[in-house]
Amino acid sequence: MADPGVFETVSNAGQAVLDAGKQVVSVTESIYQPESRPQGEHRRKAENKFSYTFLQYPSDLDSKSSRHPYWMTFYINKQELSTFTNKSSDGIFDKKTKQSIRSTAQINASLGNNLQKNFGNSNVGFGRKTKRTATAIRLFMPDGLNWSYSNKFNDSNLSAITGMGLVSSLAAISPLYQSSTEAAKKGGTAGILASLQTPQARNAGGVAAEILGETFGMDKEFGASVLGIAINPQVDVIYVSPELRQFTFDFMFSPQTSQEAGKVADIIREFKFHSAPEMLGGGIGIGRYYVPPAEFDIEFSVNTMGKISTCVLQNITLDYTPSGTAFYDNNQPVNTRMTLQFRELEFMTKELIDRGF
């Protein structure tokens, strides 16, 4: 006769199989069960924070058949204090680090020794106060890409330094005394007067003439001209700083359909929206303070021209009839010329140029 313990073991094993089957069915049902609306919104938000939504022109820009083989991308960094919640306001995060993507200027500031940093983890301080948006703009690369690297120098007038005229006069006293003494020995009074016409005498008298000119409300230069001389400014060139670079991009949009013209209008509106300030707190109170406009990071599909640091959009110029007055049936212009003028937020130094700027 079989051992009852064997039947009990078999029974327990069978129950375990049934329980496992129920779990599989439960998991299967949960997989194929339609998600609720809140669940769907949460899932999409979790997915979207790692990927950009591009406003693009033309629509086939990044394809091999495109009539524009090269393009440029404008990434938007909105101010953290901005309260607008339009479709491009959500932040964007790096897939690897899971951290919010920072602007180029923020990254450069963190790598160098400078004051352009905020205090601790706050948005208060001398650093940028922006976050990258999930919407970016991608356009064809226009003609006329000009980069300018300029430096500012000031002229320093050494002769304008207080006491320089006196120093010049004192330096001439000794040779003037010697020449006057020799002239007196040879020609008496006439010789002395003649010696006052020498360059040494004019040099010594120059400072006196300058003092007289200023005393009577005239320029030092005028006082010196009485003796027939002019003040040498002895200019030195003193370095001040680099100059912030400016970039101008000129786009000519010629959409082929009314739908494509509508996309151009969306792109133009996005630039206008983010180049404008907003009232702090939505204009509460007396509206004394602005929240500054957004900042832009600009990248190119080719990386041989040197990188551009974070910029502000200083000016937008729009011409809706560059080739004559013509509109599609949805009232969008057939041709539009848009000129964007950006100003970089960082001085170009050897350190940045060495990193590809």
Protein backbone atom coordinates (compact mmCIF):
# COMPACT_ATOMS: atom_id res chain seq x y z
CA MET A 1 0.00 0.00 0.00
CA ALA A 2 1.31 3.44 -0.96
CA ASP A 3 2.63 5.72 1.72
CA PRO A 4 0.08 8.52 2.55
CA GLY A 5 2.97 10.99 2.63
CA VAL A 6 3.51 10.44 -1.08
CA PHE A 7 -0.08 11.42 -1.89
CA GLU A 8 0.28 14.52 0.29
CA THR A 9 3.47 15.55 -1.53
CA VAL A 10 1.82 15.08 -4.93
CA SER A 11 -1.21 17.06 -3.79
CA ASN A 12 0.96 19.96 -2.59
CA ALA A 13 2.86 19.96 -5.85
CA GLY A 14 -0.36 20.08 -7.80
CA GLN A 15 -1.64 22.99 -5.76
CA ALA A 16 1.62 24.86 -6.36
CA VAL A 17 1.18 24.37 -10.12
CA LEU A 18 -2.38 25.70 -9.92
CA ASP A 19 -1.25 28.74 -7.92
CA ALA A 20 1.52 29.44 -10.42
CA GLY A 21 -0.99 29.20 -13.24
CA LYS A 22 -3.24 31.72 -11.54
CA GLN A 23 -0.31 34.13 -11.16
CA VAL A 24 0.51 33.77 -14.86
CA VAL A 25 -3.10 34.50 -15.77
CA SER A 26 -3.11 37.51 -13.42
CA VAL A 27 0.09 38.91 -14.92
CA THR A 28 -1.20 38.26 -18.45
CA GLU A 29 -4.44 40.08 -17.69
CA SER A 30 -2.56 43.03 -16.22
CA ILE A 31 -0.39 43.24 -19.33
CA TYR A 32 -3.28 43.32 -21.75
CA GLN A 33 -5.59 45.38 -19.57
CA PRO A 34 -6.18 48.82 -21.14
CA GLU A 35 -4.40 51.56 -19.20
CA SER A 36 -6.41 54.31 -17.61
CA ARG A 37 -6.11 57.90 -18.79
CA PRO A 38 -3.99 59.00 -15.77
CA GLN A 39 -1.74 55.96 -16.30
CA GLY A 40 -1.29 56.85 -19.96
CA GLU A 41 -0.44 60.47 -19.17
CA HIS A 42 2.08 59.38 -16.54
CA ARG A 43 3.72 56.92 -18.95
CA ARG A 44 3.96 59.46 -21.77
CA LYS A 45 5.40 62.08 -19.43
CA ALA A 46 8.03 59.62 -18.20
CA GLU A 47 8.98 58.77 -21.79
CA ASN A 48 8.91 62.35 -23.12
CA LYS A 49 11.27 63.79 -20.54
CA PHE A 50 14.12 61.97 -22.28
CA SER A 51 13.30 62.95 -25.87
CA TYR A 52 12.85 66.20 -27.77
CA THR A 53 9.92 67.29 -29.89
CA PHE A 54 11.31 69.10 -32.93
CA LEU A 55 9.64 71.92 -34.82
CA GLN A 56 11.30 71.35 -38.17
CA TYR A 57 11.48 72.97 -41.58
CA PRO A 58 11.47 71.53 -44.16
CA SER A 59 9.77 68.32 -43.02
CA ASP A 60 12.32 66.11 -44.82
CA LEU A 61 15.30 68.02 -43.40
CA ASP A 62 17.17 65.02 -41.99
CA SER A 63 16.52 62.65 -44.88
CA LYS A 64 18.87 61.84 -47.76
CA SER A 65 16.36 63.19 -50.29
CA SER A 66 16.18 66.62 -48.64
CA ARG A 67 17.08 69.67 -50.71
CA HIS A 68 18.89 70.94 -47.61
CA PRO A 69 21.65 68.45 -46.64
CA TYR A 70 22.80 70.45 -43.60
CA TRP A 71 20.84 71.79 -40.67
CA MET A 72 21.11 73.60 -37.34
CA THR A 73 19.23 73.07 -34.09
CA PHE A 74 18.09 75.69 -31.59
CA TYR A 75 17.68 74.28 -28.08
CA ILE A 76 15.61 76.47 -25.75
CA ASN A 77 16.52 77.15 -22.11
CA LYS A 78 13.57 78.78 -20.35
CA GLN A 79 13.92 80.75 -17.13
CA GLU A 80 13.12 78.71 -14.04
CA LEU A 81 10.86 81.50 -12.79
CA SER A 82 8.71 81.34 -15.92
CA THR A 83 5.10 80.45 -15.15
CA PHE A 84 4.00 79.84 -18.74
CA THR A 85 3.00 76.24 -19.42
CA ASN A 86 2.85 76.16 -23.19
CA LYS A 87 3.67 72.92 -24.99
CA SER A 88 7.44 73.52 -24.85
CA SER A 89 7.71 74.26 -21.13
CA ASP A 90 8.38 70.76 -19.79
CA GLY A 91 11.99 70.04 -18.84
CA ILE A 92 14.23 67.57 -20.64
CA PHE A 93 16.59 65.10 -18.97
CA ASP A 94 19.71 63.18 -19.95
CA LYS A 95 19.03 59.46 -20.44
CA LYS A 96 22.34 58.36 -18.92
CA THR A 97 22.60 60.60 -15.87
CA LYS A 98 18.83 61.10 -15.38
CA GLN A 99 19.72 64.73 -14.58
CA SER A 100 18.16 67.84 -16.07
CA ILE A 101 20.08 68.97 -19.16
CA ARG A 102 22.00 72.19 -18.56
CA SER A 103 22.84 74.94 -21.02
CA THR A 104 26.31 75.24 -22.53
CA ALA A 105 27.04 78.34 -20.43
CA GLN A 106 26.08 76.49 -17.25
CA ILE A 107 28.38 73.59 -18.12
CA ASN A 108 31.29 75.92 -18.96
CA ALA A 109 30.82 77.85 -15.72
CA SER A 110 30.97 74.64 -13.70
CA LEU A 111 34.31 73.73 -15.33
CA GLY A 112 36.08 77.05 -14.68
CA ASN A 113 37.05 79.33 -11.83
CA ASN A 114 34.58 82.20 -12.01
CA LEU A 115 31.76 83.95 -10.19
CA GLN A 116 29.05 82.80 -12.60
CA LYS A 117 27.61 80.22 -10.23
CA ASN A 118 24.52 80.05 -8.05
CA PHE A 119 24.60 79.54 -4.29
CA GLY A 120 24.43 75.86 -3.38
CA ASN A 121 21.62 74.07 -5.20
CA SER A 122 19.46 77.17 -5.45
CA ASN A 123 18.65 79.37 -8.42
CA VAL A 124 19.96 82.45 -6.59
CA GLY A 125 23.40 83.80 -7.44
CA PHE A 126 25.44 84.89 -10.45
CA GLY A 127 24.88 81.76 -12.57
CA ARG A 128 22.30 81.02 -15.26
CA LYS A 129 18.80 80.26 -13.97
CA THR A 130 17.33 78.21 -16.79
CA LYS A 131 16.21 74.69 -17.64
CA ARG A 132 16.13 73.01 -21.05
CA THR A 133 12.69 72.62 -22.65
CA ALA A 134 11.46 69.51 -24.41
CA THR A 135 10.76 71.43 -27.61
CA ALA A 136 13.60 72.35 -29.99
CA ILE A 137 13.68 74.00 -33.41
CA ARG A 138 15.55 72.46 -36.34
CA LEU A 139 16.06 74.48 -39.53
CA PHE A 140 18.09 74.23 -42.71
CA MET A 141 21.54 75.80 -42.52
CA PRO A 142 21.39 79.24 -44.20
CA ASP A 143 24.04 80.97 -46.27
CA GLY A 144 26.39 83.55 -44.78
CA LEU A 145 27.66 81.93 -41.59
CA ASN A 146 30.18 84.48 -40.30
CA TRP A 147 32.15 84.07 -37.07
CA SER A 148 33.94 87.08 -35.56
CA TYR A 149 36.55 86.95 -32.78
CA SER A 150 37.17 90.52 -31.55
CA ASN A 151 39.11 92.04 -28.68
CA LYS A 152 38.83 95.49 -27.10
CA PHE A 153 41.89 97.68 -26.60
CA ASN A 154 41.99 101.20 -25.16
CA ASP A 155 44.47 103.96 -25.99
CA SER A 156 46.34 105.23 -22.94
CA ASN A 157 47.70 108.79 -23.22
CA LEU A 158 50.88 108.77 -21.11
CA SER A 159 51.35 112.53 -21.54
CA ALA A 160 48.02 113.10 -19.81
CA ILE A 161 49.35 111.62 -16.57
CA THR A 162 49.58 114.32 -13.89
CA GLY A 163 53.11 115.72 -13.57
CA MET A 164 54.42 114.37 -16.89
CA GLY A 165 54.84 117.93 -18.26
CA LEU A 166 56.81 118.92 -15.16
CA VAL A 167 59.04 115.86 -15.53
CA SER A 168 59.72 116.83 -19.13
CA SER A 169 60.51 120.41 -18.09
CA LEU A 170 62.87 119.36 -15.29
CA ALA A 171 64.70 117.08 -17.68
CA ALA A 172 65.35 120.06 -19.94
CA ILE A 173 66.51 122.53 -17.23
CA SER A 174 70.07 121.28 -16.98
CA PRO A 175 70.88 121.41 -20.73
CA LEU A 176 69.00 124.76 -20.95
CA TYR A 177 71.12 126.25 -18.15
CA GLN A 178 74.33 125.08 -19.79
CA SER A 179 73.38 126.42 -23.22
CA SER A 180 72.22 129.78 -21.76
CA THR A 181 75.46 130.20 -19.74
CA GLU A 182 77.58 129.50 -22.79
CA ALA A 183 75.48 131.87 -24.89
CA ALA A 184 75.82 134.65 -22.26
CA LYS A 185 79.57 134.27 -22.26
CA LYS A 186 79.74 134.52 -26.01
CA GLY A 187 77.01 137.04 -26.82
CA GLY A 188 75.76 138.64 -23.64
CA THR A 189 72.07 139.46 -23.48
CA ALA A 190 71.57 138.87 -27.19
CA GLY A 191 73.09 135.45 -26.80
CA ILE A 192 70.74 134.59 -23.94
CA LEU A 193 67.69 135.63 -26.00
CA ALA A 194 68.97 133.57 -28.87
CA SER A 195 69.36 130.56 -26.60
CA LEU A 196 65.69 130.77 -25.63
CA GLN A 197 64.87 129.87 -29.23
CA THR A 198 66.54 126.50 -28.92
CA PRO A 199 64.64 123.18 -28.63
CA GLN A 200 65.84 122.90 -25.01
CA ALA A 201 64.21 126.20 -24.13
CA ARG A 202 61.01 125.36 -25.94
CA ASN A 203 60.85 122.04 -24.09
CA ALA A 204 61.30 123.74 -20.70
CA GLY A 205 58.80 126.45 -21.56
CA GLY A 206 56.22 123.97 -22.80
CA VAL A 207 55.00 123.10 -19.33
CA ALA A 208 54.68 126.79 -18.46
CA ALA A 209 52.68 127.35 -21.62
CA GLU A 210 50.42 124.43 -20.71
CA ILE A 211 49.82 125.90 -17.25
CA LEU A 212 49.05 129.32 -18.70
CA GLY A 213 46.66 127.81 -21.23
CA GLU A 214 44.70 126.00 -18.54
CA THR A 215 44.78 129.08 -16.27
CA PHE A 216 43.03 131.19 -18.88
CA GLY A 217 40.53 128.45 -19.72
CA MET A 218 42.27 127.23 -22.86
CA ASP A 219 43.50 123.79 -23.80
CA LYS A 220 46.99 122.67 -22.93
CA GLU A 221 47.48 122.08 -26.63
CA PHE A 222 46.74 125.73 -27.31
CA GLY A 223 49.27 126.83 -24.71
CA ALA A 224 51.94 124.66 -26.31
CA SER A 225 51.10 126.01 -29.76
CA VAL A 226 52.15 129.51 -28.59
CA LEU A 227 55.71 128.23 -28.60
CA GLY A 228 55.20 126.51 -31.94
CA ILE A 229 55.17 123.02 -30.43
CA ALA A 230 52.58 120.27 -29.94
CA ILE A 231 52.18 117.80 -27.09
CA ASN A 232 53.16 114.23 -27.96
CA PRO A 233 50.40 112.02 -26.48
CA GLN A 234 52.82 109.08 -26.21
CA VAL A 235 49.99 106.61 -26.71
CA ASP A 236 50.18 103.06 -25.43
CA VAL A 237 47.58 100.40 -26.31
CA ILE A 238 46.15 98.67 -23.24
CA TYR A 239 44.24 95.38 -23.49
CA VAL A 240 40.76 95.39 -21.92
CA SER A 241 38.84 92.20 -22.74
CA PRO A 242 37.38 90.05 -25.52
CA GLU A 243 34.12 91.21 -27.04
CA LEU A 244 31.00 89.10 -26.93
CA ARG A 245 30.35 87.46 -30.28
CA GLN A 246 27.20 88.11 -32.29
CA PHE A 247 25.61 85.80 -34.85
CA THR A 248 23.10 86.63 -37.54
CA PHE A 249 21.14 83.92 -39.35
CA ASP A 250 18.99 84.80 -42.34
CA PHE A 251 16.30 82.25 -43.30
CA MET A 252 14.17 82.37 -46.44
CA PHE A 253 11.09 80.16 -46.05
CA SER A 254 9.30 79.11 -49.24
CA PRO A 255 6.77 76.46 -48.11
CA GLN A 256 5.33 74.32 -50.90
CA THR A 257 1.89 73.85 -49.35
CA SER A 258 -0.42 75.69 -46.98
CA GLN A 259 0.22 72.98 -44.36
CA GLU A 260 3.96 73.57 -44.57
CA ALA A 261 3.33 77.32 -44.33
CA GLY A 262 1.48 76.64 -41.08
CA LYS A 263 4.58 74.86 -39.71
CA VAL A 264 6.67 77.92 -40.59
CA ALA A 265 4.21 80.06 -38.62
CA ASP A 266 4.60 77.73 -35.61
CA ILE A 267 8.39 78.04 -35.76
CA ILE A 268 8.25 81.83 -35.98
CA ARG A 269 5.85 82.00 -33.05
CA GLU A 270 8.17 79.81 -30.95
CA PHE A 271 11.09 82.18 -31.54
CA LYS A 272 8.94 85.22 -30.78
CA PHE A 273 7.51 83.61 -27.63
CA HIS A 274 10.86 82.65 -26.11
CA SER A 275 12.59 85.92 -27.07
CA ALA A 276 10.06 87.93 -25.04
CA PRO A 277 10.09 88.57 -21.26
CA GLU A 278 7.13 87.93 -19.00
CA MET A 279 5.76 89.71 -16.00
CA LEU A 280 6.93 88.21 -12.70
CA GLY A 281 4.09 86.26 -11.09
CA GLY A 282 1.85 86.78 -14.11
CA GLY A 283 1.76 90.55 -13.60
CA ILE A 284 0.55 90.60 -10.01
CA GLY A 285 1.06 93.77 -7.99
CA ILE A 286 2.25 96.76 -9.96
CA GLY A 287 4.20 94.71 -12.50
CA ARG A 288 7.57 96.14 -11.56
CA TYR A 289 9.70 93.12 -12.47
CA TYR A 290 10.27 91.03 -15.57
CA VAL A 291 11.32 87.43 -15.88
CA PRO A 292 14.01 87.56 -18.63
CA PRO A 293 13.54 85.84 -22.00
CA ALA A 294 14.77 82.33 -22.67
CA GLU A 295 18.32 81.53 -23.76
CA PHE A 296 19.36 79.38 -26.71
CA ASP A 297 21.99 76.74 -27.40
CA ILE A 298 22.80 76.43 -31.10
CA GLU A 299 24.28 73.32 -32.70
CA PHE A 300 25.09 72.36 -36.30
CA SER A 301 24.93 69.07 -38.18
CA VAL A 302 28.62 69.59 -39.02
CA ASN A 303 31.11 70.31 -36.23
CA THR A 304 34.02 71.87 -38.12
CA MET A 305 33.02 75.53 -37.68
CA GLY A 306 33.53 75.76 -33.94
CA LYS A 307 30.87 75.59 -31.25
CA ILE A 308 28.70 78.46 -30.08
CA SER A 309 28.04 78.99 -26.39
CA THR A 310 24.63 79.87 -24.97
CA CYS A 311 23.08 82.96 -26.57
CA VAL A 312 20.26 85.40 -26.10
CA LEU A 313 18.04 86.32 -29.03
CA GLN A 314 18.48 90.09 -29.37
CA ASN A 315 16.43 90.74 -32.46
CA ILE A 316 13.93 89.08 -34.81
CA THR A 317 13.19 90.72 -38.16
CA LEU A 318 10.30 89.33 -40.22
CA ASP A 319 9.47 90.13 -43.84
CA TYR A 320 6.21 88.47 -44.90
CA THR A 321 6.34 89.68 -48.50
CA PRO A 322 9.99 89.40 -49.61
CA SER A 323 8.97 88.33 -53.13
CA GLY A 324 5.68 90.16 -53.43
CA THR A 325 2.30 89.85 -51.73
CA ALA A 326 1.05 86.26 -51.90
CA PHE A 327 -0.84 84.06 -49.40
CA TYR A 328 -2.18 80.52 -49.26
CA ASP A 329 -5.84 79.74 -48.72
CA ASN A 330 -5.20 79.52 -44.96
CA ASN A 331 -3.87 83.12 -45.07
CA GLN A 332 -0.26 82.03 -44.44
CA PRO A 333 2.34 83.89 -46.55
CA VAL A 334 3.86 82.06 -49.51
CA ASN A 335 7.33 83.40 -48.70
CA THR A 336 8.74 84.66 -45.40
CA ARG A 337 12.19 85.98 -44.57
CA MET A 338 13.25 85.67 -40.93
CA THR A 339 16.49 87.19 -39.62
CA LEU A 340 17.67 86.19 -36.14
CA GLN A 341 20.41 88.07 -34.30
CA PHE A 342 21.96 86.29 -31.31
CA ARG A 343 24.49 87.47 -28.75
CA GLU A 344 26.74 85.02 -26.95
CA LEU A 345 26.84 85.05 -23.14
CA GLU A 346 30.51 84.15 -22.68
CA PHE A 347 33.83 85.69 -23.66
CA MET A 348 35.94 83.45 -25.87
CA THR A 349 39.15 82.48 -24.07
CA LYS A 350 41.95 80.06 -24.89
CA GLU A 351 40.33 77.53 -22.56
CA LEU A 352 37.04 77.57 -24.49
CA ILE A 353 38.68 77.64 -27.91
CA ASP A 354 40.76 74.66 -26.86
CA ARG A 355 37.48 72.85 -26.20
CA GLY A 356 36.20 73.47 -29.71
CA PHE A 357 34.55 76.89 -29.54
